[in-house]
Amino acid sequence: MKTMVATKSIQIQYYALLREQRGTSSEAYSTSALNLAGLYNELKEKYQFSLPINLLQVVANDRFVSWDDTINEGDLIVFIPPVAGG
C-alpha cells in the first residue's frame, strides 16, 4: 500500500541574502515537507541557498518557532538570516 504525502500550500517571505539568492521577497509555494527544517532543506537544494540552517531563525505566522515544528496549510513562513549592522 502506497502512502500519500499531503502537499500544503504556504506563503514564504525571504530577507537579505536569501532574498538576493532567490530573486524575490516572497512566493506562494507547495511542499510536502513534514517540518520547517525539511522545508528549508528542500528550498536550499532547489534554489542553491548558501546559508546553513544553523545560521537562520524561522517564523511561522508571526511567531518564532522551532525547526521541527510541522507545516500547516496556509502558513506564512519567514526565514531570517543573520543581519550585519553597525
PDB file of N, CA and C in Angstrom:
ATOM      1  N   MET A   1       0.833  -1.180   0.000  1.00  0.00           N
ATOM      2  CA  MET A   1       0.000   0.000   0.000  1.00  0.00           C
ATOM      3  C   MET A   1       0.877   1.242   0.000  1.00  0.00           C
ATOM      4  N   LYS A   2       0.621   2.154  -0.906  1.00  0.00           N
ATOM      5  CA  LYS A   2       1.422   3.366  -1.038  1.00  0.00           C
ATOM      6  C   LYS A   2       0.883   4.451  -0.109  1.00  0.00           C
ATOM      7  N   THR A   3       1.793   5.117   0.595  1.00  0.00           N
ATOM      8  CA  THR A   3       1.410   6.194   1.493  1.00  0.00           C
ATOM      9  C   THR A   3       1.379   7.506   0.724  1.00  0.00           C
ATOM     10  N   MET A   4       0.295   8.242   0.862  1.00  0.00           N
ATOM     11  CA  MET A   4       0.181   9.544   0.218  1.00  0.00           C
ATOM     12  C   MET A   4       0.688  10.623   1.174  1.00  0.00           C
ATOM     13  N   VAL A   5       1.518  11.499   0.671  1.00  0.00           N
ATOM     14  CA  VAL A   5       2.020  12.617   1.468  1.00  0.00           C
ATOM     15  C   VAL A   5       1.249  13.859   1.043  1.00  0.00           C
ATOM     16  N   ALA A   6       0.650  14.511   2.022  1.00  0.00           N
ATOM     17  CA  ALA A   6      -0.160  15.696   1.721  1.00  0.00           C
ATOM     18  C   ALA A   6       0.728  16.867   1.329  1.00  0.00           C
ATOM     19  N   THR A   7       0.348  17.535   0.271  1.00  0.00           N
ATOM     20  CA  THR A   7       1.030  18.755  -0.142  1.00  0.00           C
ATOM     21  C   THR A   7       0.292  19.940   0.452  1.00  0.00           C
ATOM     22  N   LYS A   8       1.060  20.862   1.011  1.00  0.00           N
ATOM     23  CA  LYS A   8       0.480  22.045   1.642  1.00  0.00           C
ATOM     24  C   LYS A   8       0.880  23.289   0.859  1.00  0.00           C
ATOM     25  N   SER A   9      -0.084  24.186   0.671  1.00  0.00           N
ATOM     26  CA  SER A   9       0.190  25.470   0.032  1.00  0.00           C
ATOM     27  C   SER A   9       0.472  26.490   1.115  1.00  0.00           C
ATOM     28  N   ILE A  10       1.635  27.135   1.013  1.00  0.00           N
ATOM     29  CA  ILE A  10       2.077  28.098   2.021  1.00  0.00           C
ATOM     30  C   ILE A  10       2.587  29.359   1.329  1.00  0.00           C
ATOM     31  N   GLN A  11       2.851  30.373   2.124  1.00  0.00           N
ATOM     32  CA  GLN A  11       3.496  31.601   1.664  1.00  0.00           C
ATOM     33  C   GLN A  11       4.870  31.669   2.333  1.00  0.00           C
ATOM     34  N   ILE A  12       5.880  32.064   1.586  1.00  0.00           N
ATOM     35  CA  ILE A  12       7.234  32.198   2.131  1.00  0.00           C
ATOM     36  C   ILE A  12       7.718  33.611   1.869  1.00  0.00           C
ATOM     37  N   GLN A  13       8.353  34.200   2.882  1.00  0.00           N
ATOM     38  CA  GLN A  13       8.998  35.500   2.726  1.00  0.00           C
ATOM     39  C   GLN A  13      10.498  35.332   2.941  1.00  0.00           C
ATOM     40  N   TYR A  14      11.270  36.034   2.110  1.00  0.00           N
ATOM     41  CA  TYR A  14      12.731  35.974   2.166  1.00  0.00           C
ATOM     42  C   TYR A  14      13.285  37.357   2.466  1.00  0.00           C
ATOM     43  N   TYR A  15      14.363  37.398   3.235  1.00  0.00           N
ATOM     44  CA  TYR A  15      15.024  38.660   3.563  1.00  0.00           C
ATOM     45  C   TYR A  15      16.528  38.547   3.314  1.00  0.00           C
ATOM     46  N   ALA A  16      17.144  39.706   3.101  1.00  0.00           N
ATOM     47  CA  ALA A  16      18.609  39.852   2.994  1.00  0.00           C
ATOM     48  C   ALA A  16      19.182  38.881   1.956  1.00  0.00           C
ATOM     49  N   LEU A  17      20.181  38.114   2.333  1.00  0.00           N
ATOM     50  CA  LEU A  17      20.880  37.241   1.393  1.00  0.00           C
ATOM     51  C   LEU A  17      19.939  36.234   0.734  1.00  0.00           C
ATOM     52  N   LEU A  18      18.994  35.692   1.485  1.00  0.00           N
ATOM     53  CA  LEU A  18      18.065  34.729   0.887  1.00  0.00           C
ATOM     54  C   LEU A  18      17.213  35.388  -0.199  1.00  0.00           C
ATOM     55  N   ARG A  19      16.800  36.618   0.027  1.00  0.00           N
ATOM     56  CA  ARG A  19      16.028  37.352  -0.987  1.00  0.00           C
ATOM     57  C   ARG A  19      16.881  37.548  -2.239  1.00  0.00           C
ATOM     58  N   GLU A  20      18.148  37.909  -2.052  1.00  0.00           N
ATOM     59  CA  GLU A  20      19.040  38.099  -3.196  1.00  0.00           C
ATOM     60  C   GLU A  20      19.239  36.795  -3.958  1.00  0.00           C
ATOM     61  N   GLN A  21      19.447  35.701  -3.236  1.00  0.00           N
ATOM     62  CA  GLN A  21      19.695  34.420  -3.894  1.00  0.00           C
ATOM     63  C   GLN A  21      18.442  33.876  -4.570  1.00  0.00           C
ATOM     64  N   ARG A  22      17.283  34.116  -4.002  1.00  0.00           N
ATOM     65  CA  ARG A  22      16.025  33.640  -4.588  1.00  0.00           C
ATOM     66  C   ARG A  22      15.549  34.562  -5.711  1.00  0.00           C
ATOM     67  N   GLY A  23      15.872  35.842  -5.609  1.00  0.00           N
ATOM     68  CA  GLY A  23      15.460  36.792  -6.627  1.00  0.00           C
ATOM     69  C   GLY A  23      14.060  37.337  -6.425  1.00  0.00           C
ATOM     70  N   THR A  24      13.495  37.123  -5.242  1.00  0.00           N
ATOM     71  CA  THR A  24      12.175  37.647  -4.904  1.00  0.00           C
ATOM     72  C   THR A  24      12.058  37.736  -3.386  1.00  0.00           C
ATOM     73  N   SER A  25      11.138  38.567  -2.919  1.00  0.00           N
ATOM     74  CA  SER A  25      10.968  38.714  -1.473  1.00  0.00           C
ATOM     75  C   SER A  25       9.889  37.793  -0.911  1.00  0.00           C
ATOM     76  N   SER A  26       9.044  37.247  -1.793  1.00  0.00           N
ATOM     77  CA  SER A  26       8.010  36.334  -1.304  1.00  0.00           C
ATOM     78  C   SER A  26       7.485  35.479  -2.442  1.00  0.00           C
ATOM     79  N   GLU A  27       6.872  34.359  -2.083  1.00  0.00           N
ATOM     80  CA  GLU A  27       6.292  33.486  -3.081  1.00  0.00           C
ATOM     81  C   GLU A  27       5.269  32.554  -2.437  1.00  0.00           C
ATOM     82  N   ALA A  28       4.317  32.133  -3.255  1.00  0.00           N
ATOM     83  CA  ALA A  28       3.427  31.033  -2.886  1.00  0.00           C
ATOM     84  C   ALA A  28       4.185  29.753  -3.237  1.00  0.00           C
ATOM     85  N   TYR A  29       4.093  28.743  -2.366  1.00  0.00           N
ATOM     86  CA  TYR A  29       4.899  27.540  -2.554  1.00  0.00           C
ATOM     87  C   TYR A  29       4.102  26.340  -2.079  1.00  0.00           C
ATOM     88  N   SER A  30       4.239  25.231  -2.772  1.00  0.00           N
ATOM     89  CA  SER A  30       3.620  23.967  -2.359  1.00  0.00           C
ATOM     90  C   SER A  30       4.710  23.011  -1.926  1.00  0.00           C
ATOM     91  N   THR A  31       4.513  22.392  -0.772  1.00  0.00           N
ATOM     92  CA  THR A  31       5.532  21.487  -0.240  1.00  0.00           C
ATOM     93  C   THR A  31       4.897  20.270   0.408  1.00  0.00           C
ATOM     94  N   SER A  32       5.634  19.186   0.398  1.00  0.00           N
ATOM     95  CA  SER A  32       5.226  18.002   1.148  1.00  0.00           C
ATOM     96  C   SER A  32       6.173  17.777   2.325  1.00  0.00           C
ATOM     97  N   ALA A  33       7.037  18.762   2.603  1.00  0.00           N
ATOM     98  CA  ALA A  33       7.949  18.661   3.756  1.00  0.00           C
ATOM     99  C   ALA A  33       7.135  18.494   5.037  1.00  0.00           C
ATOM    100  N   LEU A  34       7.642  17.689   5.941  1.00  0.00           N
ATOM    101  CA  LEU A  34       6.921  17.413   7.185  1.00  0.00           C
ATOM    102  C   LEU A  34       7.131  18.488   8.239  1.00  0.00           C
ATOM    103  N   ASN A  35       8.288  19.163   8.170  1.00  0.00           N
ATOM    104  CA  ASN A  35       8.564  20.203   9.170  1.00  0.00           C
ATOM    105  C   ASN A  35       9.357  21.337   8.518  1.00  0.00           C
ATOM    106  N   LEU A  36       9.632  22.363   9.305  1.00  0.00           N
ATOM    107  CA  LEU A  36      10.294  23.555   8.774  1.00  0.00           C
ATOM    108  C   LEU A  36      11.735  23.282   8.350  1.00  0.00           C
ATOM    109  N   ALA A  37      12.421  22.398   9.051  1.00  0.00           N
ATOM    110  CA  ALA A  37      13.781  22.032   8.632  1.00  0.00           C
ATOM    111  C   ALA A  37      13.743  21.358   7.265  1.00  0.00           C
ATOM    112  N   GLY A  38      12.794  20.467   7.066  1.00  0.00           N
ATOM    113  CA  GLY A  38      12.648  19.808   5.769  1.00  0.00           C
ATOM    114  C   GLY A  38      12.328  20.800   4.671  1.00  0.00           C
ATOM    115  N   LEU A  39      11.494  21.786   4.989  1.00  0.00           N
ATOM    116  CA  LEU A  39      11.164  22.825   4.012  1.00  0.00           C
ATOM    117  C   LEU A  39      12.408  23.617   3.632  1.00  0.00           C
ATOM    118  N   TYR A  40      13.181  24.066   4.622  1.00  0.00           N
ATOM    119  CA  TYR A  40      14.367  24.854   4.285  1.00  0.00           C
ATOM    120  C   TYR A  40      15.350  24.017   3.467  1.00  0.00           C
ATOM    121  N   ASN A  41      15.537  22.759   3.832  1.00  0.00           N
ATOM    122  CA  ASN A  41      16.464  21.908   3.077  1.00  0.00           C
ATOM    123  C   ASN A  41      15.976  21.714   1.636  1.00  0.00           C
ATOM    124  N   GLU A  42      14.663  21.595   1.457  1.00  0.00           N
ATOM    125  CA  GLU A  42      14.086  21.495   0.110  1.00  0.00           C
ATOM    126  C   GLU A  42      14.363  22.766  -0.699  1.00  0.00           C
ATOM    127  N   LEU A  43      14.136  23.920  -0.081  1.00  0.00           N
ATOM    128  CA  LEU A  43      14.379  25.194  -0.753  1.00  0.00           C
ATOM    129  C   LEU A  43      15.869  25.421  -1.014  1.00  0.00           C
ATOM    130  N   LYS A  44      16.703  25.039  -0.053  1.00  0.00           N
ATOM    131  CA  LYS A  44      18.148  25.216  -0.191  1.00  0.00           C
ATOM    132  C   LYS A  44      18.664  24.432  -1.400  1.00  0.00           C
ATOM    133  N   GLU A  45      18.170  23.225  -1.560  1.00  0.00           N
ATOM    134  CA  GLU A  45      18.582  22.414  -2.702  1.00  0.00           C
ATOM    135  C   GLU A  45      18.030  22.985  -4.012  1.00  0.00           C
ATOM    136  N   LYS A  46      16.779  23.382  -4.007  1.00  0.00           N
ATOM    137  CA  LYS A  46      16.124  23.878  -5.218  1.00  0.00           C
ATOM    138  C   LYS A  46      16.715  25.203  -5.695  1.00  0.00           C
ATOM    139  N   TYR A  47      16.985  26.122  -4.753  1.00  0.00           N
ATOM    140  CA  TYR A  47      17.429  27.471  -5.109  1.00  0.00           C
ATOM    141  C   TYR A  47      18.909  27.732  -4.816  1.00  0.00           C
ATOM    142  N   GLN A  48      19.625  26.725  -4.364  1.00  0.00           N
ATOM    143  CA  GLN A  48      21.061  26.841  -4.092  1.00  0.00           C
ATOM    144  C   GLN A  48      21.376  27.906  -3.045  1.00  0.00           C
ATOM    145  N   PHE A  49      20.567  27.961  -1.970  1.00  0.00           N
ATOM    146  CA  PHE A  49      20.854  28.887  -0.871  1.00  0.00           C
ATOM    147  C   PHE A  49      22.187  28.516  -0.243  1.00  0.00           C
ATOM    148  N   SER A  50      22.970  29.518   0.120  1.00  0.00           N
ATOM    149  CA  SER A  50      24.304  29.272   0.662  1.00  0.00           C
ATOM    150  C   SER A  50      24.332  29.196   2.195  1.00  0.00           C
ATOM    151  N   LEU A  51      23.299  29.699   2.846  1.00  0.00           N
ATOM    152  CA  LEU A  51      23.321  29.738   4.312  1.00  0.00           C
ATOM    153  C   LEU A  51      22.915  28.402   4.926  1.00  0.00           C
ATOM    154  N   PRO A  52      23.718  27.900   5.870  1.00  0.00           N
ATOM    155  CA  PRO A  52      23.322  26.684   6.578  1.00  0.00           C
ATOM    156  C   PRO A  52      22.178  26.996   7.554  1.00  0.00           C
ATOM    157  N   ILE A  53      21.383  25.998   7.817  1.00  0.00           N
ATOM    158  CA  ILE A  53      20.189  26.169   8.642  1.00  0.00           C
ATOM    159  C   ILE A  53      20.513  26.703  10.041  1.00  0.00           C
ATOM    160  N   ASN A  54      21.677  26.358  10.567  1.00  0.00           N
ATOM    161  CA  ASN A  54      22.015  26.781  11.935  1.00  0.00           C
ATOM    162  C   ASN A  54      22.260  28.284  12.057  1.00  0.00           C
ATOM    163  N   LEU A  55      22.375  29.005  10.944  1.00  0.00           N
ATOM    164  CA  LEU A  55      22.547  30.456  10.991  1.00  0.00           C
ATOM    165  C   LEU A  55      21.232  31.219  10.858  1.00  0.00           C
ATOM    166  N   LEU A  56      20.137  30.490  10.654  1.00  0.00           N
ATOM    167  CA  LEU A  56      18.843  31.124  10.415  1.00  0.00           C
ATOM    168  C   LEU A  56      17.914  30.975  11.610  1.00  0.00           C
ATOM    169  N   GLN A  57      16.948  31.887  11.670  1.00  0.00           N
ATOM    170  CA  GLN A  57      15.805  31.727  12.557  1.00  0.00           C
ATOM    171  C   GLN A  57      14.589  31.569  11.654  1.00  0.00           C
ATOM    172  N   VAL A  58      13.553  30.943  12.192  1.00  0.00           N
ATOM    173  CA  VAL A  58      12.356  30.722  11.387  1.00  0.00           C
ATOM    174  C   VAL A  58      11.128  31.214  12.152  1.00  0.00           C
ATOM    175  N   VAL A  59      10.247  31.862  11.406  1.00  0.00           N
ATOM    176  CA  VAL A  59       8.998  32.399  11.950  1.00  0.00           C
ATOM    177  C   VAL A  59       7.849  31.775  11.174  1.00  0.00           C
ATOM    178  N   ALA A  60       6.831  31.326  11.890  1.00  0.00           N
ATOM    179  CA  ALA A  60       5.607  30.832  11.257  1.00  0.00           C
ATOM    180  C   ALA A  60       4.438  31.621  11.828  1.00  0.00           C
ATOM    181  N   ASN A  61       3.705  32.256  10.930  1.00  0.00           N
ATOM    182  CA  ASN A  61       2.511  33.002  11.335  1.00  0.00           C
ATOM    183  C   ASN A  61       2.812  34.000  12.453  1.00  0.00           C
ATOM    184  N   ASP A  62       3.869  34.779  12.254  1.00  0.00           N
ATOM    185  CA  ASP A  62       4.246  35.888  13.143  1.00  0.00           C
ATOM    186  C   ASP A  62       4.782  35.474  14.511  1.00  0.00           C
ATOM    187  N   ARG A  63       5.259  34.240  14.632  1.00  0.00           N
ATOM    188  CA  ARG A  63       5.908  33.858  15.893  1.00  0.00           C
ATOM    189  C   ARG A  63       7.131  32.987  15.613  1.00  0.00           C
ATOM    190  N   PHE A  64       8.181  33.216  16.416  1.00  0.00           N
ATOM    191  CA  PHE A  64       9.381  32.393  16.286  1.00  0.00           C
ATOM    192  C   PHE A  64       9.036  30.964  16.690  1.00  0.00           C
ATOM    193  N   VAL A  65       9.503  30.013  15.899  1.00  0.00           N
ATOM    194  CA  VAL A  65       9.176  28.602  16.130  1.00  0.00           C
ATOM    195  C   VAL A  65      10.436  27.758  16.003  1.00  0.00           C
ATOM    196  N   SER A  66      10.282  26.485  16.294  1.00  0.00           N
ATOM    197  CA  SER A  66      11.369  25.515  16.210  1.00  0.00           C
ATOM    198  C   SER A  66      11.418  24.908  14.807  1.00  0.00           C
ATOM    199  N   TRP A  67      12.606  24.509  14.398  1.00  0.00           N
ATOM    200  CA  TRP A  67      12.774  23.901  13.073  1.00  0.00           C
ATOM    201  C   TRP A  67      11.999  22.596  12.945  1.00  0.00           C
ATOM    202  N   ASP A  68      11.692  21.930  14.058  1.00  0.00           N
ATOM    203  CA  ASP A  68      10.956  20.670  13.958  1.00  0.00           C
ATOM    204  C   ASP A  68       9.441  20.850  14.029  1.00  0.00           C
ATOM    205  N   ASP A  69       8.961  22.095  14.065  1.00  0.00           N
ATOM    206  CA  ASP A  69       7.517  22.349  14.015  1.00  0.00           C
ATOM    207  C   ASP A  69       6.960  21.925  12.660  1.00  0.00           C
ATOM    208  N   THR A  70       5.734  21.432  12.678  1.00  0.00           N
ATOM    209  CA  THR A  70       5.091  20.997  11.435  1.00  0.00           C
ATOM    210  C   THR A  70       4.609  22.193  10.622  1.00  0.00           C
ATOM    211  N   ILE A  71       4.361  21.949   9.357  1.00  0.00           N
ATOM    212  CA  ILE A  71       3.856  22.955   8.430  1.00  0.00           C
ATOM    213  C   ILE A  71       2.373  22.686   8.216  1.00  0.00           C
ATOM    214  N   ASN A  72       1.585  23.745   8.244  1.00  0.00           N
ATOM    215  CA  ASN A  72       0.147  23.620   8.026  1.00  0.00           C
ATOM    216  C   ASN A  72      -0.273  24.396   6.790  1.00  0.00           C
ATOM    217  N   GLU A  73      -1.327  23.954   6.165  1.00  0.00           N
ATOM    218  CA  GLU A  73      -1.902  24.624   5.007  1.00  0.00           C
ATOM    219  C   GLU A  73      -2.108  26.102   5.328  1.00  0.00           C
ATOM    220  N   GLY A  74      -1.645  26.971   4.424  1.00  0.00           N
ATOM    221  CA  GLY A  74      -1.857  28.404   4.576  1.00  0.00           C
ATOM    222  C   GLY A  74      -0.866  29.129   5.465  1.00  0.00           C
ATOM    223  N   ASP A  75       0.119  28.415   6.024  1.00  0.00           N
ATOM    224  CA  ASP A  75       1.119  29.068   6.887  1.00  0.00           C
ATOM    225  C   ASP A  75       1.876  30.153   6.127  1.00  0.00           C
ATOM    226  N   LEU A  76       2.280  31.171   6.875  1.00  0.00           N
ATOM    227  CA  LEU A  76       3.206  32.189   6.377  1.00  0.00           C
ATOM    228  C   LEU A  76       4.541  31.929   7.055  1.00  0.00           C
ATOM    229  N   ILE A  77       5.535  31.550   6.270  1.00  0.00           N
ATOM    230  CA  ILE A  77       6.857  31.178   6.784  1.00  0.00           C
ATOM    231  C   ILE A  77       7.854  32.268   6.398  1.00  0.00           C
ATOM    232  N   VAL A  78       8.668  32.670   7.374  1.00  0.00           N
ATOM    233  CA  VAL A  78       9.710  33.678   7.140  1.00  0.00           C
ATOM    234  C   VAL A  78      11.033  33.099   7.633  1.00  0.00           C
ATOM    235  N   PHE A  79      12.026  33.095   6.769  1.00  0.00           N
ATOM    236  CA  PHE A  79      13.380  32.689   7.151  1.00  0.00           C
ATOM    237  C   PHE A  79      14.183  33.965   7.413  1.00  0.00           C
ATOM    238  N   ILE A  80      14.787  34.057   8.588  1.00  0.00           N
ATOM    239  CA  ILE A  80      15.515  35.261   8.974  1.00  0.00           C
ATOM    240  C   ILE A  80      17.002  34.941   9.071  1.00  0.00           C
ATOM    241  N   PRO A  81      17.776  35.480   8.114  1.00  0.00           N
ATOM    242  CA  PRO A  81      19.222  35.276   8.135  1.00  0.00           C
ATOM    243  C   PRO A  81      19.889  36.223   9.112  1.00  0.00           C
ATOM    244  N   PRO A  82      21.164  35.972   9.420  1.00  0.00           N
ATOM    245  CA  PRO A  82      21.882  36.922  10.272  1.00  0.00           C
ATOM    246  C   PRO A  82      21.953  38.286   9.605  1.00  0.00           C
ATOM    247  N   VAL A  83      21.842  39.314  10.398  1.00  0.00           N
ATOM    248  CA  VAL A  83      21.856  40.683   9.879  1.00  0.00           C
ATOM    249  C   VAL A  83      23.092  41.395  10.420  1.00  0.00           C
ATOM    250  N   ALA A  84      23.879  41.933   9.521  1.00  0.00           N
ATOM    251  CA  ALA A  84      25.060  42.714   9.930  1.00  0.00           C
ATOM    252  C   ALA A  84      24.650  44.172  10.068  1.00  0.00           C
ATOM    253  N   GLY A  85      25.231  44.824  10.996  1.00  0.00           N
ATOM    254  CA  GLY A  85      24.903  46.232  11.174  1.00  0.00           C
ATOM    255  C   GLY A  85      25.938  46.912  12.047  1.00  0.00           C
ATOM    256  N   GLY A  86      25.834  48.206  12.128  1.00  0.00           N
ATOM    257  CA  GLY A  86      26.834  48.903  12.913  1.00  0.00           C
ATOM    258  C   GLY A  86      26.213  49.899  13.837  1.00  0.00           C
TER     259      GLY A  86
END
